[in-house]
PDB file of N, CA and C in Angstrom:
ATOM      1  N   UNK A   1      91.702 212.779 188.559  1.00  0.00           N
ATOM      2  CA  UNK A   1      90.886 211.594 188.420  1.00  0.00           C
ATOM      3  C   UNK A   1      91.798 210.373 188.491  1.00  0.00           C
ATOM      4  N   UNK A   2      91.513 209.502 189.420  1.00  0.00           N
ATOM      5  CA  UNK A   2      92.342 208.319 189.640  1.00  0.00           C
ATOM      6  C   UNK A   2      91.675 207.116 188.985  1.00  0.00           C
ATOM      7  N   UNK A   3      92.284 206.609 187.920  1.00  0.00           N
ATOM      8  CA  UNK A   3      91.716 205.479 187.175  1.00  0.00           C
ATOM      9  C   UNK A   3      92.511 204.226 187.525  1.00  0.00           C
ATOM     10  N   UNK A   4      91.824 203.187 188.017  1.00  0.00           N
ATOM     11  CA  UNK A   4      92.532 201.966 188.377  1.00  0.00           C
ATOM     12  C   UNK A   4      93.155 201.304 187.146  1.00  0.00           C
ATOM     13  N   UNK A   5      94.274 200.612 187.326  1.00  0.00           N
ATOM     14  CA  UNK A   5      94.914 199.910 186.198  1.00  0.00           C
ATOM     15  C   UNK A   5      93.961 198.868 185.592  1.00  0.00           C
ATOM     16  N   UNK A   6      93.980 198.747 184.278  1.00  0.00           N
ATOM     17  CA  UNK A   6      93.123 197.788 183.575  1.00  0.00           C
ATOM     18  C   UNK A   6      91.731 198.304 183.287  1.00  0.00           C
ATOM     19  N   UNK A   7      91.413 199.501 183.735  1.00  0.00           N
ATOM     20  CA  UNK A   7      90.095 200.075 183.494  1.00  0.00           C
ATOM     21  C   UNK A   7      90.031 200.662 182.086  1.00  0.00           C
ATOM     22  N   UNK A   8      88.820 200.806 181.610  1.00  0.00           N
ATOM     23  CA  UNK A   8      88.586 201.406 180.304  1.00  0.00           C
ATOM     24  C   UNK A   8      87.792 202.682 180.513  1.00  0.00           C
ATOM     25  N   UNK A   9      88.228 203.730 179.845  1.00  0.00           N
ATOM     26  CA  UNK A   9      87.517 204.997 179.942  1.00  0.00           C
ATOM     27  C   UNK A   9      86.918 205.295 178.578  1.00  0.00           C
ATOM     28  N   UNK A  10      85.608 205.497 178.572  1.00  0.00           N
ATOM     29  CA  UNK A  10      84.908 205.822 177.327  1.00  0.00           C
ATOM     30  C   UNK A  10      84.364 207.230 177.478  1.00  0.00           C
ATOM     31  N   UNK A  11      84.776 208.074 176.574  1.00  0.00           N
ATOM     32  CA  UNK A  11      84.322 209.459 176.640  1.00  0.00           C
ATOM     33  C   UNK A  11      82.952 209.586 175.988  1.00  0.00           C
ATOM     34  N   UNK A  12      82.227 210.634 176.308  1.00  0.00           N
ATOM     35  CA  UNK A  12      80.937 210.859 175.645  1.00  0.00           C
ATOM     36  C   UNK A  12      81.073 210.976 174.126  1.00  0.00           C
ATOM     37  N   UNK A  13      82.164 211.510 173.654  1.00  0.00           N
ATOM     38  CA  UNK A  13      82.382 211.628 172.209  1.00  0.00           C
ATOM     39  C   UNK A  13      82.519 210.248 171.574  1.00  0.00           C
ATOM     40  N   UNK A  14      83.251 209.357 172.233  1.00  0.00           N
ATOM     41  CA  UNK A  14      83.404 207.990 171.717  1.00  0.00           C
ATOM     42  C   UNK A  14      82.069 207.247 171.745  1.00  0.00           C
ATOM     43  N   UNK A  15      81.322 207.428 172.815  1.00  0.00           N
ATOM     44  CA  UNK A  15      80.016 206.786 172.932  1.00  0.00           C
ATOM     45  C   UNK A  15      79.084 207.272 171.830  1.00  0.00           C
ATOM     46  N   UNK A  16      79.079 208.588 171.588  1.00  0.00           N
ATOM     47  CA  UNK A  16      78.244 209.152 170.531  1.00  0.00           C
ATOM     48  C   UNK A  16      78.630 208.565 169.170  1.00  0.00           C
ATOM     49  N   UNK A  17      79.922 208.441 168.893  1.00  0.00           N
ATOM     50  CA  UNK A  17      80.381 207.888 167.612  1.00  0.00           C
ATOM     51  C   UNK A  17      79.911 206.441 167.452  1.00  0.00           C
ATOM     52  N   UNK A  18      79.959 205.664 168.512  1.00  0.00           N
ATOM     53  CA  UNK A  18      79.509 204.272 168.460  1.00  0.00           C
ATOM     54  C   UNK A  18      78.003 204.188 168.212  1.00  0.00           C
ATOM     55  N   UNK A  19      77.237 204.986 168.916  1.00  0.00           N
ATOM     56  CA  UNK A  19      75.777 204.983 168.743  1.00  0.00           C
ATOM     57  C   UNK A  19      75.420 205.415 167.328  1.00  0.00           C
ATOM     58  N   UNK A  20      76.118 206.412 166.820  1.00  0.00           N
ATOM     59  CA  UNK A  20      75.867 206.865 165.458  1.00  0.00           C
ATOM     60  C   UNK A  20      76.202 205.761 164.446  1.00  0.00           C
ATOM     61  N   UNK A  21      77.304 205.040 164.688  1.00  0.00           N
ATOM     62  CA  UNK A  21      77.675 203.920 163.811  1.00  0.00           C
ATOM     63  C   UNK A  21      76.634 202.812 163.831  1.00  0.00           C
ATOM     64  N   UNK A  22      76.100 202.529 165.014  1.00  0.00           N
ATOM     65  CA  UNK A  22      75.055 201.512 165.129  1.00  0.00           C
ATOM     66  C   UNK A  22      73.805 201.954 164.369  1.00  0.00           C
ATOM     67  N   UNK A  23      73.470 203.232 164.470  1.00  0.00           N
ATOM     68  CA  UNK A  23      72.309 203.755 163.739  1.00  0.00           C
ATOM     69  C   UNK A  23      72.475 203.611 162.238  1.00  0.00           C
ATOM     70  N   UNK A  24      73.679 203.863 161.751  1.00  0.00           N
ATOM     71  CA  UNK A  24      73.957 203.707 160.320  1.00  0.00           C
ATOM     72  C   UNK A  24      73.814 202.245 159.901  1.00  0.00           C
ATOM     73  N   UNK A  25      74.346 201.337 160.724  1.00  0.00           N
ATOM     74  CA  UNK A  25      74.248 199.910 160.413  1.00  0.00           C
ATOM     75  C   UNK A  25      72.790 199.451 160.389  1.00  0.00           C
ATOM     76  N   UNK A  26      71.987 199.920 161.331  1.00  0.00           N
ATOM     77  CA  UNK A  26      70.563 199.557 161.382  1.00  0.00           C
ATOM     78  C   UNK A  26      69.848 200.083 160.139  1.00  0.00           C
ATOM     79  N   UNK A  27      70.187 201.285 159.718  1.00  0.00           N
ATOM     80  CA  UNK A  27      69.562 201.852 158.511  1.00  0.00           C
ATOM     81  C   UNK A  27      69.902 201.023 157.280  1.00  0.00           C
ATOM     82  N   UNK A  28      71.144 200.533 157.187  1.00  0.00           N
ATOM     83  CA  UNK A  28      71.536 199.682 156.053  1.00  0.00           C
ATOM     84  C   UNK A  28      70.778 198.366 156.077  1.00  0.00           C
ATOM     85  N   UNK A  29      70.662 197.780 157.256  1.00  0.00           N
ATOM     86  CA  UNK A  29      69.935 196.512 157.383  1.00  0.00           C
ATOM     87  C   UNK A  29      68.465 196.716 157.024  1.00  0.00           C
ATOM     88  N   UNK A  30      67.892 197.831 157.444  1.00  0.00           N
ATOM     89  CA  UNK A  30      66.490 198.131 157.116  1.00  0.00           C
ATOM     90  C   UNK A  30      66.312 198.210 155.602  1.00  0.00           C
ATOM     91  N   UNK A  31      67.244 198.841 154.910  1.00  0.00           N
ATOM     92  CA  UNK A  31      67.182 198.909 153.450  1.00  0.00           C
ATOM     93  C   UNK A  31      67.253 197.535 152.809  1.00  0.00           C
ATOM     94  N   UNK A  32      68.135 196.677 153.351  1.00  0.00           N
ATOM     95  CA  UNK A  32      68.248 195.321 152.821  1.00  0.00           C
ATOM     96  C   UNK A  32      66.953 194.536 153.024  1.00  0.00           C
ATOM     97  N   UNK A  33      66.346 194.685 154.190  1.00  0.00           N
ATOM     98  CA  UNK A  33      65.091 193.985 154.476  1.00  0.00           C
ATOM     99  C   UNK A  33      63.990 194.456 153.534  1.00  0.00           C
ATOM    100  N   UNK A  34      63.940 195.741 153.265  1.00  0.00           N
ATOM    101  CA  UNK A  34      62.927 196.261 152.343  1.00  0.00           C
ATOM    102  C   UNK A  34      63.117 195.708 150.937  1.00  0.00           C
ATOM    103  N   UNK A  35      64.366 195.563 150.503  1.00  0.00           N
ATOM    104  CA  UNK A  35      64.631 194.973 149.185  1.00  0.00           C
ATOM    105  C   UNK A  35      64.195 193.513 149.149  1.00  0.00           C
ATOM    106  N   UNK A  36      64.455 192.785 150.235  1.00  0.00           N
ATOM    107  CA  UNK A  36      64.040 191.382 150.294  1.00  0.00           C
ATOM    108  C   UNK A  36      62.523 191.254 150.260  1.00  0.00           C
ATOM    109  N   UNK A  37      61.819 192.161 150.924  1.00  0.00           N
ATOM    110  CA  UNK A  37      60.363 192.114 150.902  1.00  0.00           C
ATOM    111  C   UNK A  37      59.823 192.325 149.497  1.00  0.00           C
ATOM    112  N   UNK A  38      60.498 193.167 148.721  1.00  0.00           N
ATOM    113  CA  UNK A  38      60.069 193.400 147.343  1.00  0.00           C
ATOM    114  C   UNK A  38      60.316 192.163 146.481  1.00  0.00           C
ATOM    115  N   UNK A  39      61.403 191.449 146.753  1.00  0.00           N
ATOM    116  CA  UNK A  39      61.768 190.281 145.943  1.00  0.00           C
ATOM    117  C   UNK A  39      60.985 189.035 146.334  1.00  0.00           C
ATOM    118  N   UNK A  40      60.439 188.991 147.535  1.00  0.00           N
ATOM    119  CA  UNK A  40      59.756 187.787 148.025  1.00  0.00           C
ATOM    120  C   UNK A  40      58.609 187.328 147.134  1.00  0.00           C
ATOM    121  N   UNK A  41      57.699 188.184 146.709  1.00  0.00           N
ATOM    122  CA  UNK A  41      56.606 187.700 145.841  1.00  0.00           C
ATOM    123  C   UNK A  41      57.124 187.075 144.539  1.00  0.00           C
ATOM    124  N   UNK A  42      58.206 187.614 144.000  1.00  0.00           N
ATOM    125  CA  UNK A  42      58.784 187.055 142.776  1.00  0.00           C
ATOM    126  C   UNK A  42      59.288 185.641 143.027  1.00  0.00           C
ATOM    127  N   UNK A  43      59.945 185.424 144.155  1.00  0.00           N
ATOM    128  CA  UNK A  43      60.445 184.090 144.481  1.00  0.00           C
ATOM    129  C   UNK A  43      59.282 183.117 144.686  1.00  0.00           C
ATOM    130  N   UNK A  44      58.236 183.572 145.339  1.00  0.00           N
ATOM    131  CA  UNK A  44      57.077 182.710 145.555  1.00  0.00           C
ATOM    132  C   UNK A  44      56.445 182.296 144.235  1.00  0.00           C
ATOM    133  N   UNK A  45      56.329 183.216 143.302  1.00  0.00           N
ATOM    134  CA  UNK A  45      55.733 182.866 142.007  1.00  0.00           C
ATOM    135  C   UNK A  45      56.628 181.896 141.248  1.00  0.00           C
ATOM    136  N   UNK A  46      57.927 182.050 141.362  1.00  0.00           N
ATOM    137  CA  UNK A  46      58.841 181.108 140.698  1.00  0.00           C
ATOM    138  C   UNK A  46      58.721 179.714 141.292  1.00  0.00           C
ATOM    139  N   UNK A  47      58.636 179.638 142.616  1.00  0.00           N
ATOM    140  CA  UNK A  47      58.502 178.337 143.272  1.00  0.00           C
ATOM    141  C   UNK A  47      57.190 177.677 142.866  1.00  0.00           C
ATOM    142  N   UNK A  48      56.107 178.437 142.822  1.00  0.00           N
ATOM    143  CA  UNK A  48      54.818 177.876 142.409  1.00  0.00           C
ATOM    144  C   UNK A  48      54.869 177.371 140.972  1.00  0.00           C
ATOM    145  N   UNK A  49      55.549 178.094 140.100  1.00  0.00           N
ATOM    146  CA  UNK A  49      55.688 177.650 138.709  1.00  0.00           C
ATOM    147  C   UNK A  49      56.484 176.354 138.636  1.00  0.00           C
ATOM    148  N   UNK A  50      57.535 176.250 139.423  1.00  0.00           N
ATOM    149  CA  UNK A  50      58.318 175.006 139.446  1.00  0.00           C
ATOM    150  C   UNK A  50      57.491 173.840 139.978  1.00  0.00           C
ATOM    151  N   UNK A  51      56.677 174.095 140.985  1.00  0.00           N
ATOM    152  CA  UNK A  51      55.815 173.042 141.518  1.00  0.00           C
ATOM    153  C   UNK A  51      54.813 172.578 140.466  1.00  0.00           C
ATOM    154  N   UNK A  52      54.226 173.514 139.704  1.00  0.00           N
ATOM    155  CA  UNK A  52      53.278 173.123 138.652  1.00  0.00           C
ATOM    156  C   UNK A  52      53.975 172.252 137.603  1.00  0.00           C
ATOM    157  N   UNK A  53      55.164 172.647 137.208  1.00  0.00           N
ATOM    158  CA  UNK A  53      55.909 171.857 136.212  1.00  0.00           C
ATOM    159  C   UNK A  53      56.232 170.467 136.737  1.00  0.00           C
ATOM    160  N   UNK A  54      56.585 170.388 138.027  1.00  0.00           N
ATOM    161  CA  UNK A  54      56.917 169.090 138.611  1.00  0.00           C
ATOM    162  C   UNK A  54      55.702 168.164 138.563  1.00  0.00           C
ATOM    163  N   UNK A  55      54.523 168.675 138.948  1.00  0.00           N
ATOM    164  CA  UNK A  55      53.330 167.834 138.936  1.00  0.00           C
ATOM    165  C   UNK A  55      52.929 167.465 137.507  1.00  0.00           C
ATOM    166  N   UNK A  56      53.116 168.377 136.578  1.00  0.00           N
ATOM    167  CA  UNK A  56      52.828 168.074 135.184  1.00  0.00           C
ATOM    168  C   UNK A  56      53.750 166.956 134.701  1.00  0.00           C
ATOM    169  N   UNK A  57      55.043 167.067 135.003  1.00  0.00           N
ATOM    170  CA  UNK A  57      56.007 166.041 134.579  1.00  0.00           C
ATOM    171  C   UNK A  57      55.707 164.700 135.248  1.00  0.00           C
ATOM    172  N   UNK A  58      55.277 164.726 136.497  1.00  0.00           N
ATOM    173  CA  UNK A  58      54.917 163.490 137.196  1.00  0.00           C
ATOM    174  C   UNK A  58      53.730 162.828 136.518  1.00  0.00           C
ATOM    175  N   UNK A  59      52.738 163.612 136.141  1.00  0.00           N
ATOM    176  CA  UNK A  59      51.568 163.066 135.449  1.00  0.00           C
ATOM    177  C   UNK A  59      51.939 162.476 134.096  1.00  0.00           C
ATOM    178  N   UNK A  60      52.791 163.171 133.360  1.00  0.00           N
ATOM    179  CA  UNK A  60      53.236 162.655 132.063  1.00  0.00           C
ATOM    180  C   UNK A  60      53.992 161.345 132.255  1.00  0.00           C
ATOM    181  N   UNK A  61      54.874 161.295 133.239  1.00  0.00           N
ATOM    182  CA  UNK A  61      55.655 160.078 133.489  1.00  0.00           C
ATOM    183  C   UNK A  61      54.745 158.917 133.881  1.00  0.00           C
ATOM    184  N   UNK A  62      53.737 159.176 134.709  1.00  0.00           N
ATOM    185  CA  UNK A  62      52.810 158.118 135.127  1.00  0.00           C
ATOM    186  C   UNK A  62      52.008 157.616 133.929  1.00  0.00           C
ATOM    187  N   UNK A  63      51.552 158.526 133.099  1.00  0.00           N
ATOM    188  CA  UNK A  63      50.796 158.139 131.908  1.00  0.00           C
ATOM    189  C   UNK A  63      51.672 157.322 130.959  1.00  0.00           C
ATOM    190  N   UNK A  64      52.884 157.762 130.765  1.00  0.00           N
ATOM    191  CA  UNK A  64      53.824 157.049 129.896  1.00  0.00           C
ATOM    192  C   UNK A  64      54.104 155.647 130.439  1.00  0.00           C
ATOM    193  N   UNK A  65      54.310 155.550 131.757  1.00  0.00           N
ATOM    194  CA  UNK A  65      54.572 154.249 132.372  1.00  0.00           C
ATOM    195  C   UNK A  65      53.385 153.306 132.204  1.00  0.00           C
ATOM    196  N   UNK A  66      52.178 153.820 132.361  1.00  0.00           N
ATOM    197  CA  UNK A  66      50.981 152.987 132.195  1.00  0.00           C
ATOM    198  C   UNK A  66      50.867 152.528 130.744  1.00  0.00           C
ATOM    199  N   UNK A  67      51.167 153.420 129.811  1.00  0.00           N
ATOM    200  CA  UNK A  67      51.109 153.061 128.394  1.00  0.00           C
ATOM    201  C   UNK A  67      52.141 152.004 128.038  1.00  0.00           C
ATOM    202  N   UNK A  68      53.342 152.134 128.551  1.00  0.00           N
ATOM    203  CA  UNK A  68      54.390 151.135 128.291  1.00  0.00           C
ATOM    204  C   UNK A  68      53.990 149.789 128.878  1.00  0.00           C
ATOM    205  N   UNK A  69      53.393 149.812 130.061  1.00  0.00           N
ATOM    206  CA  UNK A  69      52.958 148.559 130.696  1.00  0.00           C
ATOM    207  C   UNK A  69      51.913 147.867 129.819  1.00  0.00           C
ATOM    208  N   UNK A  70      50.959 148.605 129.333  1.00  0.00           N
ATOM    209  CA  UNK A  70      49.932 148.039 128.442  1.00  0.00           C
ATOM    210  C   UNK A  70      50.570 147.488 127.173  1.00  0.00           C
ATOM    211  N   UNK A  71      51.486 148.215 126.607  1.00  0.00           N
ATOM    212  CA  UNK A  71      52.146 147.786 125.380  1.00  0.00           C
ATOM    213  C   UNK A  71      52.912 146.493 125.600  1.00  0.00           C
ATOM    214  N   UNK A  72      53.618 146.405 126.711  1.00  0.00           N
ATOM    215  CA  UNK A  72      54.385 145.192 127.010  1.00  0.00           C
ATOM    216  C   UNK A  72      53.431 144.004 127.211  1.00  0.00           C
ATOM    217  N   UNK A  73      52.293 144.236 127.873  1.00  0.00           N
ATOM    218  CA  UNK A  73      51.337 143.154 128.069  1.00  0.00           C
ATOM    219  C   UNK A  73      50.741 142.698 126.736  1.00  0.00           C
ATOM    220  N   UNK A  74      50.434 143.644 125.864  1.00  0.00           N
ATOM    221  CA  UNK A  74      49.888 143.289 124.549  1.00  0.00           C
ATOM    222  C   UNK A  74      50.895 142.508 123.726  1.00  0.00           C
ATOM    223  N   UNK A  75      52.143 142.945 123.756  1.00  0.00           N
ATOM    224  CA  UNK A  75      53.191 142.254 122.986  1.00  0.00           C
ATOM    225  C   UNK A  75      53.493 140.888 123.579  1.00  0.00           C
ATOM    226  N   UNK A  76      53.343 140.742 124.897  1.00  0.00           N
ATOM    227  CA  UNK A  76      53.598 139.463 125.543  1.00  0.00           C
ATOM    228  C   UNK A  76      52.548 138.424 125.210  1.00  0.00           C
ATOM    229  N   UNK A  77      51.309 138.842 124.943  1.00  0.00           N
ATOM    230  CA  UNK A  77      50.227 137.917 124.611  1.00  0.00           C
ATOM    231  C   UNK A  77      50.328 137.439 123.172  1.00  0.00           C
ATOM    232  N   UNK A  78      50.964 138.298 122.348  1.00  0.00           N
ATOM    233  CA  UNK A  78      51.088 138.181 120.952  1.00  0.00           C
ATOM    234  C   UNK A  78      50.993 136.943 120.266  1.00  0.00           C
TER     235      UNK A  78
END
């Protein structure tokens, strides 16, 4: 068998080892994706809870600001 200089020869055994390695990597990635899918609903519920707290705090701040404004106006008329 005459192989030109600079050529690469890949044997069937080497090819099989590479394909098997790729299969193992895909299986690991599949496991990681399944774990992420399980964790996703938990993250969504946490984000929703943070959003509720943010709107609650915004409402409290707006109410407090309105009350302070009224108080300052009452004291200014004094």
